[in-house]
Amino acid sequence: MSFGLRLKELRTKRNVTQQQLADYIGVGRTAIAGYETKDKCPDFDKLRLIAKFFNVTTDYLLEIDDNEKRLYNSDTTIATHRVNFGEDLPEEAYEELESILNYIRHKYKKD
């Protein structure tokens, strides 16, 4: 599997559009299409943003490692946060939202 196929697999599995990912990493939708279908590769900074967005390692994206390791312990990905909450919050706010979400999950956990 190539980087492009892995990216498309992640994106479709998480119900993220090319435009949503493009907006997050600061490129046009056609750049994402190029990554997925034309063997184009993002620069290092964009690769890191893609990994952060999908909550996976860059090794997973680049097929160095086939295990889809999560960067965070939560089941919720940054991709879900970004799609649901928009782009108007700083990174610290997303971290706080994740902390609150974990608290609520713990509070209402079924035994």
Protein backbone atom coordinates (compact mmCIF):
# COMPACT_ATOMS: atom_id res chain seq x y z
CA MET A 1 0.00 0.00 0.00
CA SER A 2 1.34 3.44 -0.88
CA PHE A 3 1.20 6.63 1.19
CA GLY A 4 -1.67 7.82 -1.01
CA LEU A 5 -3.73 4.67 -0.50
CA ARG A 6 -3.09 4.74 3.24
CA LEU A 7 -4.15 8.40 3.39
CA LYS A 8 -7.32 7.73 1.43
CA GLU A 9 -8.11 4.71 3.60
CA LEU A 10 -7.74 6.77 6.79
CA ARG A 11 -9.74 9.65 5.38
CA THR A 12 -12.65 7.53 4.18
CA LYS A 13 -12.67 5.35 7.29
CA ARG A 14 -13.00 8.48 9.43
CA ASN A 15 -15.56 10.14 7.13
CA VAL A 16 -13.33 13.13 6.40
CA THR A 17 -13.55 14.88 3.05
CA GLN A 18 -10.54 15.92 1.03
CA GLN A 19 -11.61 19.53 1.60
CA GLN A 20 -11.74 19.16 5.39
CA LEU A 21 -8.24 17.69 5.47
CA ALA A 22 -6.98 20.30 3.02
CA ASP A 23 -8.38 23.11 5.16
CA TYR A 24 -6.69 21.70 8.26
CA ILE A 25 -3.23 21.39 6.73
CA GLY A 26 -3.49 24.58 4.69
CA VAL A 27 -3.50 23.30 1.11
CA GLY A 28 -6.05 23.07 -1.67
CA ARG A 29 -8.30 20.05 -2.12
CA THR A 30 -6.42 19.17 -5.30
CA ALA A 31 -3.23 18.71 -3.26
CA ILE A 32 -4.97 16.02 -1.18
CA ALA A 33 -6.23 14.40 -4.38
CA GLY A 34 -2.65 14.46 -5.68
CA TYR A 35 -1.37 12.77 -2.52
CA GLU A 36 -4.00 10.06 -2.89
CA THR A 37 -3.83 9.37 -6.61
CA LYS A 38 -0.72 10.84 -8.23
CA ASP A 39 2.04 9.66 -5.88
CA LYS A 40 2.68 13.22 -4.72
CA CYS A 41 4.06 13.59 -1.21
CA PRO A 42 3.50 16.34 1.33
CA ASP A 43 6.42 18.19 2.88
CA PHE A 44 7.51 17.29 6.40
CA ASP A 45 5.34 19.90 8.12
CA LYS A 46 2.22 18.83 6.21
CA LEU A 47 2.98 15.16 6.93
CA ARG A 48 3.15 15.92 10.66
CA LEU A 49 -0.18 17.79 10.46
CA ILE A 50 -1.81 14.86 8.65
CA ALA A 51 -0.54 12.45 11.31
CA LYS A 52 -1.82 14.73 14.07
CA PHE A 53 -5.18 15.16 12.33
CA PHE A 54 -5.74 11.40 12.13
CA ASN A 55 -4.05 10.64 15.46
CA VAL A 56 -1.52 8.24 13.93
CA THR A 57 2.26 8.23 13.67
CA THR A 58 4.15 9.46 10.64
CA ASP A 59 5.70 5.98 10.50
CA TYR A 60 2.22 4.57 9.93
CA LEU A 61 1.50 7.09 7.18
CA LEU A 62 4.82 6.31 5.48
CA GLU A 63 4.38 2.54 5.86
CA ILE A 64 7.43 2.16 8.05
CA ASP A 65 5.10 0.63 10.62
CA ASP A 66 1.85 -1.15 9.77
CA ASN A 67 0.33 -0.78 13.22
CA GLU A 68 -2.12 2.10 13.38
CA LYS A 69 -0.76 3.38 16.68
CA ARG A 70 -2.64 6.20 18.29
CA LEU A 71 -0.71 9.22 19.45
CA TYR A 72 -3.23 9.82 22.23
CA ASN A 73 -4.94 7.39 24.60
CA SER A 74 -8.44 8.48 23.63
CA ASP A 75 -10.68 6.78 21.10
CA THR A 76 -11.59 10.22 19.79
CA THR A 77 -9.34 11.60 17.09
CA ILE A 78 -8.37 15.16 16.40
CA ALA A 79 -10.08 14.69 13.04
CA THR A 80 -13.39 14.27 14.83
CA HIS A 81 -12.76 17.35 16.95
CA ARG A 82 -11.82 19.50 13.99
CA VAL A 83 -14.81 18.46 11.91
CA ASN A 84 -17.28 18.97 14.75
CA PHE A 85 -15.89 22.11 16.37
CA GLY A 86 -14.40 24.09 13.51
CA GLU A 87 -11.04 25.78 13.16
CA ASP A 88 -11.58 28.77 15.46
CA LEU A 89 -10.07 27.31 18.65
CA PRO A 90 -6.39 27.15 19.62
CA GLU A 91 -4.71 23.78 20.14
CA GLU A 92 -4.90 24.17 23.94
CA ALA A 93 -8.68 24.38 23.69
CA TYR A 94 -8.83 21.07 21.82
CA GLU A 95 -6.68 19.45 24.50
CA GLU A 96 -9.05 20.81 27.16
CA LEU A 97 -12.06 19.53 25.20
CA GLU A 98 -10.50 16.08 25.05
CA SER A 99 -9.89 16.18 28.79
CA ILE A 100 -13.51 17.17 29.43
CA LEU A 101 -14.72 14.44 27.09
CA ASN A 102 -12.64 11.85 28.97
CA TYR A 103 -14.10 13.10 32.28
CA ILE A 104 -17.66 12.76 30.95
CA ARG A 105 -16.91 9.27 29.60
CA HIS A 106 -15.58 8.24 33.01
CA LYS A 107 -18.50 9.82 34.85
CA TYR A 108 -21.13 8.06 32.76
CA LYS A 109 -19.25 4.81 32.19
CA LYS A 110 -21.50 1.77 32.46
CA ASP A 111 -20.14 -0.75 34.94
